[in-house]
Amino acid sequence: MPGQESTSEKKRTRVTPADRRAELLPWRRASELTTCFLYWAPASVFPVPLEQKQWLTKFLERFFAKIVKPLGLRSEVFLQMKTLYPDLIDDFTMHCTDLTPLAGLLRRPGAAMQKAPDEEAIRAILEGRKKYKFDDYMPDLAYWFVKKAEKMYREMFFGYGGMTIVYMKPDPNAVGPPLNIPKKVREHPMFPKIDVDALYEQSFAMMDSFQEKSKQLFGAELESQPVYKGLRFILPLLETADFFKHSEQIRKAFELFDFYFSESPADKGFLLATKNDVEEDLCQLIHQMREEGLSYPER
């Protein structure tokens, strides 16, 4: 009714009471933000120290089991290509065939697409008038790992400042019918050498509709550029300030997914954002971790 605030609006604008802030630590709520629920946890440095990585890994495992999975959501993992060098490239190359990475783009809201240096920029770099910075000309390309193995990806790549995990509704069209392989075929000596079930699953996963939807939401103005067709997806790359400055982009983001987790070196920490009010569950999760002696080392 006019003049009355709906229940959903009350939830969206609720401010964490002061006496509950300690329960959320190490997460800090941006209580003045009303477009979504945004939390930040500090990182002393990137790559993050082992103790912080271990706590966050345990947190993410429990977060998925307690909050994400009961909502019927699945996780998808993305890794910025820039963070592969120099520490991760060897492991990535060694395991590339097992990872099934597909290339796409992460875009900062309102940011122009990076381009190769023009003639004037090249001349300035060669003459020493300008310092060459790789990041100035390299778009924020990223890999999406098709194989559903979040734990493995976290063990390999988490903590270096370039991982994003989104939790979204499953796409029924990205799951194939049961694969019926005769018992005799499965018992053949060559069969165990090829994970046919995994290949079958991944072939359907590659058809996930989130890819095209993400390009429509975040890359419409790039359609005329040659690079557009080669991108499997375009996701927002968000920092704390973006949640306050680009409300329309945030709204679009939550059309695509329900939860957003990312490593954010620019914010000197980690971001967790959602359109759902799960603060009570978060407090309970963190309380349980503390009861088990799992406290986050902020220094």
Protein backbone atom coordinates (compact mmCIF):
# COMPACT_ATOMS: atom_id res chain seq x y z
CA MET A 1 0.00 0.00 0.00
CA PRO A 2 1.19 3.58 -0.63
CA GLY A 3 3.08 5.04 2.26
CA GLN A 4 3.77 1.63 3.77
CA GLU A 5 7.11 -0.20 3.60
CA SER A 6 6.93 -3.80 2.41
CA THR A 7 8.49 -6.64 4.38
CA SER A 8 11.13 -7.14 1.70
CA GLU A 9 12.00 -3.43 1.79
CA LYS A 10 12.35 -3.55 5.56
CA LYS A 11 14.77 -6.44 5.24
CA ARG A 12 16.75 -4.73 2.51
CA THR A 13 17.23 -1.52 4.50
CA ARG A 14 17.85 -3.11 7.89
CA VAL A 15 21.00 -1.88 9.59
CA THR A 16 23.08 -4.30 11.62
CA PRO A 17 22.67 -3.32 15.30
CA ALA A 18 25.90 -2.16 16.92
CA ASP A 19 25.84 -5.06 19.37
CA ARG A 20 25.82 -7.56 16.50
CA ARG A 21 28.76 -6.18 14.56
CA ALA A 22 31.22 -8.15 16.64
CA GLU A 23 29.36 -11.34 15.72
CA LEU A 24 30.10 -10.80 12.03
CA LEU A 25 33.85 -10.25 12.39
CA PRO A 26 36.03 -10.52 10.38
CA TRP A 27 33.23 -9.43 8.01
CA ARG A 28 32.16 -5.77 8.15
CA ARG A 29 28.76 -4.81 6.81
CA ALA A 30 28.33 -1.70 4.66
CA SER A 31 25.16 -0.85 6.59
CA GLU A 32 24.54 2.42 4.73
CA LEU A 33 24.16 0.55 1.43
CA THR A 34 20.53 -0.25 0.58
CA THR A 35 20.77 -1.84 -2.88
CA CYS A 36 22.12 -5.12 -1.51
CA PHE A 37 23.98 -6.64 1.43
CA LEU A 38 27.72 -6.01 1.15
CA TYR A 39 30.41 -7.36 3.47
CA TRP A 40 34.17 -6.80 3.54
CA ALA A 41 36.91 -8.79 5.30
CA PRO A 42 40.52 -7.56 5.47
CA ALA A 43 43.59 -9.15 3.92
CA SER A 44 46.96 -8.15 5.30
CA VAL A 45 48.61 -8.60 1.89
CA PHE A 46 48.22 -10.44 -1.43
CA PRO A 47 49.12 -13.26 -1.80
CA VAL A 48 47.38 -13.72 1.54
CA PRO A 49 49.20 -15.41 4.43
CA LEU A 50 48.52 -19.10 4.87
CA GLU A 51 46.55 -18.64 8.11
CA GLN A 52 44.10 -16.23 6.47
CA LYS A 53 43.77 -18.48 3.42
CA GLN A 54 43.01 -21.48 5.61
CA TRP A 55 40.31 -19.63 7.58
CA LEU A 56 38.64 -18.27 4.44
CA THR A 57 38.74 -21.69 2.80
CA LYS A 58 36.93 -23.22 5.80
CA PHE A 59 34.49 -20.31 5.81
CA LEU A 60 33.64 -20.73 2.11
CA GLU A 61 33.09 -24.48 2.53
CA ARG A 62 30.67 -23.89 5.40
CA PHE A 63 29.08 -20.89 3.70
CA PHE A 64 28.20 -23.07 0.72
CA ALA A 65 26.91 -25.96 2.84
CA LYS A 66 24.86 -23.83 5.29
CA ILE A 67 23.61 -20.95 3.15
CA VAL A 68 24.12 -21.50 -0.58
CA LYS A 69 23.26 -25.16 -1.11
CA PRO A 70 19.93 -25.05 0.82
CA LEU A 71 18.82 -22.32 -1.62
CA GLY A 72 19.40 -24.71 -4.52
CA LEU A 73 22.28 -22.65 -5.94
CA ARG A 74 25.53 -23.80 -7.58
CA SER A 75 28.97 -22.19 -7.63
CA GLU A 76 30.96 -21.05 -10.65
CA VAL A 77 34.63 -20.09 -10.33
CA PHE A 78 36.51 -17.46 -12.36
CA LEU A 79 40.19 -16.51 -12.31
CA GLN A 80 41.74 -13.35 -13.74
CA MET A 81 44.49 -14.16 -16.22
CA LYS A 82 46.69 -11.37 -14.86
CA THR A 83 47.10 -13.16 -11.54
CA LEU A 84 48.57 -16.26 -13.17
CA TYR A 85 51.94 -14.53 -13.55
CA PRO A 86 54.41 -15.30 -12.15
CA ASP A 87 53.32 -17.54 -9.26
CA LEU A 88 50.51 -19.63 -10.74
CA ILE A 89 51.33 -20.09 -14.40
CA ASP A 90 53.30 -23.32 -13.96
CA ASP A 91 50.51 -25.09 -12.06
CA PHE A 92 47.91 -23.72 -14.46
CA THR A 93 49.82 -24.95 -17.51
CA MET A 94 50.52 -28.35 -15.95
CA HIS A 95 46.87 -28.99 -15.10
CA CYS A 96 45.22 -27.06 -17.94
CA THR A 97 43.63 -30.11 -19.58
CA ASP A 98 41.98 -31.07 -16.27
CA LEU A 99 40.74 -27.55 -15.52
CA THR A 100 38.72 -27.02 -18.73
CA PRO A 101 39.14 -23.20 -18.73
CA LEU A 102 37.09 -21.02 -21.08
CA ALA A 103 38.01 -17.38 -21.66
CA GLY A 104 35.80 -14.39 -20.98
CA LEU A 105 35.94 -10.85 -19.64
CA LEU A 106 35.54 -9.21 -16.24
CA ARG A 107 34.47 -5.55 -16.55
CA ARG A 108 34.62 -2.71 -14.05
CA PRO A 109 31.34 -0.75 -14.19
CA GLY A 110 31.82 2.42 -16.20
CA ALA A 111 35.35 1.48 -17.29
CA ALA A 112 36.40 1.62 -20.95
CA MET A 113 37.73 -1.49 -22.63
CA GLN A 114 41.53 -1.50 -22.51
CA LYS A 115 43.19 -1.33 -25.92
CA ALA A 116 46.67 -1.99 -27.28
CA PRO A 117 48.96 1.09 -27.15
CA ASP A 118 48.61 3.42 -30.14
CA GLU A 119 51.52 4.81 -32.14
CA GLU A 120 52.04 7.80 -29.85
CA ALA A 121 52.04 5.64 -26.72
CA ILE A 122 54.53 3.22 -28.26
CA ARG A 123 56.83 6.10 -29.20
CA ALA A 124 56.62 7.54 -25.67
CA ILE A 125 57.46 4.15 -24.17
CA LEU A 126 60.43 3.61 -26.52
CA GLU A 127 61.78 7.10 -25.81
CA GLY A 128 61.47 6.60 -22.06
CA ARG A 129 58.87 9.34 -21.61
CA LYS A 130 56.31 6.83 -20.43
CA LYS A 131 56.68 3.67 -18.39
CA TYR A 132 55.11 0.57 -19.89
CA LYS A 133 52.55 -0.99 -17.57
CA PHE A 134 51.08 -4.29 -18.67
CA ASP A 135 47.78 -3.66 -16.87
CA ASP A 136 47.20 -0.42 -18.80
CA TYR A 137 46.69 -2.29 -22.06
CA MET A 138 45.55 -5.76 -21.01
CA PRO A 139 41.78 -6.23 -20.58
CA ASP A 140 40.65 -8.04 -17.46
CA LEU A 141 40.35 -11.37 -19.21
CA ALA A 142 39.44 -14.32 -17.04
CA TYR A 143 38.98 -18.05 -17.16
CA TRP A 144 35.77 -19.82 -16.23
CA PHE A 145 36.44 -23.36 -15.02
CA VAL A 146 33.76 -25.54 -16.57
CA LYS A 147 34.50 -28.58 -14.44
CA LYS A 148 32.61 -28.35 -11.15
CA ALA A 149 35.49 -28.58 -8.67
CA GLU A 150 35.46 -25.42 -6.55
CA LYS A 151 37.55 -26.98 -3.77
CA MET A 152 40.31 -27.93 -6.20
CA TYR A 153 40.40 -24.42 -7.71
CA ARG A 154 40.59 -22.81 -4.30
CA GLU A 155 43.46 -25.08 -3.29
CA MET A 156 45.37 -24.15 -6.43
CA PHE A 157 44.60 -20.48 -7.07
CA PHE A 158 42.90 -18.86 -4.07
CA GLY A 159 44.67 -16.10 -2.17
CA TYR A 160 46.50 -14.41 -5.07
CA GLY A 161 43.95 -11.65 -5.63
CA GLY A 162 42.23 -12.81 -8.81
CA MET A 163 39.48 -15.28 -7.93
CA THR A 164 35.76 -14.58 -8.19
CA ILE A 165 33.08 -17.05 -7.19
CA VAL A 166 29.42 -16.49 -8.02
CA TYR A 167 26.53 -18.55 -6.75
CA MET A 168 23.57 -18.81 -9.09
CA LYS A 169 20.56 -20.90 -9.94
CA PRO A 170 21.30 -24.05 -11.97
CA ASP A 171 20.52 -24.20 -15.66
CA PRO A 172 18.58 -27.42 -16.42
CA ASN A 173 19.66 -27.21 -20.07
CA ALA A 174 23.31 -27.51 -19.00
CA VAL A 175 22.76 -30.99 -17.58
CA GLY A 176 22.55 -33.96 -19.91
CA PRO A 177 20.35 -37.04 -19.53
CA PRO A 178 21.85 -40.03 -17.70
CA LEU A 179 24.77 -41.52 -19.59
CA ASN A 180 24.10 -45.21 -20.07
CA ILE A 181 27.30 -47.03 -20.93
CA PRO A 182 27.16 -50.84 -21.09
CA LYS A 183 28.90 -52.62 -18.24
CA LYS A 184 31.20 -54.45 -20.65
CA VAL A 185 32.45 -51.14 -22.05
CA ARG A 186 33.10 -49.73 -18.57
CA GLU A 187 35.06 -52.87 -17.68
CA HIS A 188 37.39 -52.49 -20.65
CA PRO A 189 41.03 -51.88 -19.55
CA MET A 190 41.17 -48.60 -21.47
CA PHE A 191 37.99 -47.15 -19.95
CA PRO A 192 39.45 -45.99 -16.58
CA LYS A 193 42.09 -43.97 -18.43
CA ILE A 194 39.43 -41.62 -19.78
CA ASP A 195 36.92 -39.98 -17.45
CA VAL A 196 34.01 -40.29 -19.85
CA ASP A 197 31.45 -39.20 -17.25
CA ALA A 198 33.34 -35.98 -16.54
CA LEU A 199 33.76 -35.19 -20.24
CA TYR A 200 30.06 -35.82 -20.81
CA GLU A 201 29.12 -33.56 -17.91
CA GLN A 202 31.44 -30.78 -19.06
CA SER A 203 30.20 -30.89 -22.65
CA PHE A 204 26.70 -29.99 -21.43
CA ALA A 205 28.04 -27.48 -18.89
CA MET A 206 29.63 -25.54 -21.74
CA MET A 207 26.11 -24.77 -22.98
CA ASP A 208 25.20 -22.97 -19.74
CA SER A 209 22.86 -20.07 -20.51
CA PHE A 210 24.54 -17.74 -18.00
CA GLN A 211 27.24 -17.10 -20.61
CA GLU A 212 25.00 -15.46 -23.20
CA LYS A 213 22.90 -13.73 -20.56
CA SER A 214 26.02 -12.21 -19.01
CA LYS A 215 27.09 -10.81 -22.38
CA GLN A 216 23.66 -9.26 -22.90
CA LEU A 217 23.72 -7.68 -19.44
CA PHE A 218 27.29 -6.38 -19.37
CA GLY A 219 28.60 -6.23 -22.92
CA ALA A 220 25.85 -4.92 -25.19
CA GLU A 221 27.95 -1.95 -26.34
CA LEU A 222 30.84 -4.28 -27.26
CA GLU A 223 28.90 -6.26 -29.87
CA SER A 224 30.51 -4.41 -32.77
CA GLN A 225 34.04 -5.17 -31.56
CA PRO A 226 35.83 -8.24 -32.98
CA VAL A 227 36.70 -9.52 -29.51
CA TYR A 228 33.03 -9.86 -28.54
CA LYS A 229 32.30 -13.09 -30.39
CA GLY A 230 35.31 -14.80 -28.89
CA LEU A 231 34.23 -14.14 -25.31
CA ARG A 232 32.25 -16.88 -23.60
CA PHE A 233 31.01 -14.55 -20.85
CA ILE A 234 31.25 -10.99 -19.51
CA LEU A 235 30.95 -10.57 -15.74
CA PRO A 236 31.18 -7.46 -13.57
CA LEU A 237 34.45 -6.96 -11.70
CA LEU A 238 33.36 -5.15 -8.56
CA GLU A 239 35.11 -3.11 -5.91
CA THR A 240 33.47 -1.60 -2.84
CA ALA A 241 32.99 1.80 -4.48
CA ASP A 242 31.10 0.26 -7.40
CA PHE A 243 28.27 -0.85 -5.12
CA PHE A 244 27.67 2.79 -4.18
CA LYS A 245 28.29 4.44 -7.57
CA HIS A 246 26.73 2.00 -10.05
CA SER A 247 23.40 0.83 -8.63
CA GLU A 248 22.04 -0.10 -12.08
CA GLN A 249 25.01 -2.40 -12.76
CA ILE A 250 24.57 -3.97 -9.33
CA ARG A 251 20.91 -4.59 -10.09
CA LYS A 252 21.87 -6.32 -13.33
CA ALA A 253 24.50 -8.37 -11.51
CA PHE A 254 21.89 -9.82 -9.20
CA GLU A 255 19.73 -10.74 -12.17
CA LEU A 256 22.55 -13.12 -13.08
CA PHE A 257 23.58 -14.47 -9.68
CA ASP A 258 22.47 -14.45 -6.03
CA PHE A 259 25.84 -14.24 -4.27
CA TYR A 260 29.15 -12.65 -5.27
CA PHE A 261 32.48 -13.39 -3.60
CA SER A 262 35.76 -11.94 -4.81
CA GLU A 263 39.31 -11.22 -3.83
CA SER A 264 39.78 -7.45 -4.10
CA PRO A 265 43.36 -6.20 -3.78
CA ALA A 266 42.11 -2.64 -4.44
CA ASP A 267 39.98 -2.91 -1.29
CA LYS A 268 42.75 -4.72 0.60
CA GLY A 269 40.46 -7.61 1.33
CA PHE A 270 37.56 -9.79 0.26
CA LEU A 271 34.02 -8.89 -0.78
CA LEU A 272 30.86 -10.86 -0.18
CA ALA A 273 27.65 -9.44 -1.63
CA THR A 274 24.13 -10.77 -1.94
CA LYS A 275 20.58 -9.68 -2.62
CA ASN A 276 19.40 -12.01 0.15
CA ASP A 277 19.28 -11.19 3.86
CA VAL A 278 21.35 -14.06 5.28
CA GLU A 279 22.94 -12.12 8.13
CA GLU A 280 21.48 -14.31 10.86
CA ASP A 281 22.92 -17.39 9.15
CA LEU A 282 26.27 -15.65 8.75
CA CYS A 283 26.41 -14.82 12.44
CA GLN A 284 25.60 -18.40 13.37
CA LEU A 285 28.22 -19.76 10.98
CA ILE A 286 30.95 -17.49 12.33
CA HIS A 287 29.93 -18.21 15.93
CA GLN A 288 30.25 -21.92 15.30
CA MET A 289 33.71 -21.44 13.81
CA ARG A 290 34.80 -19.45 16.87
CA GLU A 291 33.43 -22.16 19.14
CA GLU A 292 35.71 -24.60 17.32
CA GLY A 293 38.72 -22.34 17.85
CA LEU A 294 38.74 -21.01 14.28
CA SER A 295 39.40 -17.29 14.52
CA TYR A 296 40.47 -15.11 11.61
CA PRO A 297 44.03 -13.71 11.96
CA GLU A 298 43.70 -10.13 10.73
CA ARG A 299 47.41 -9.37 11.07
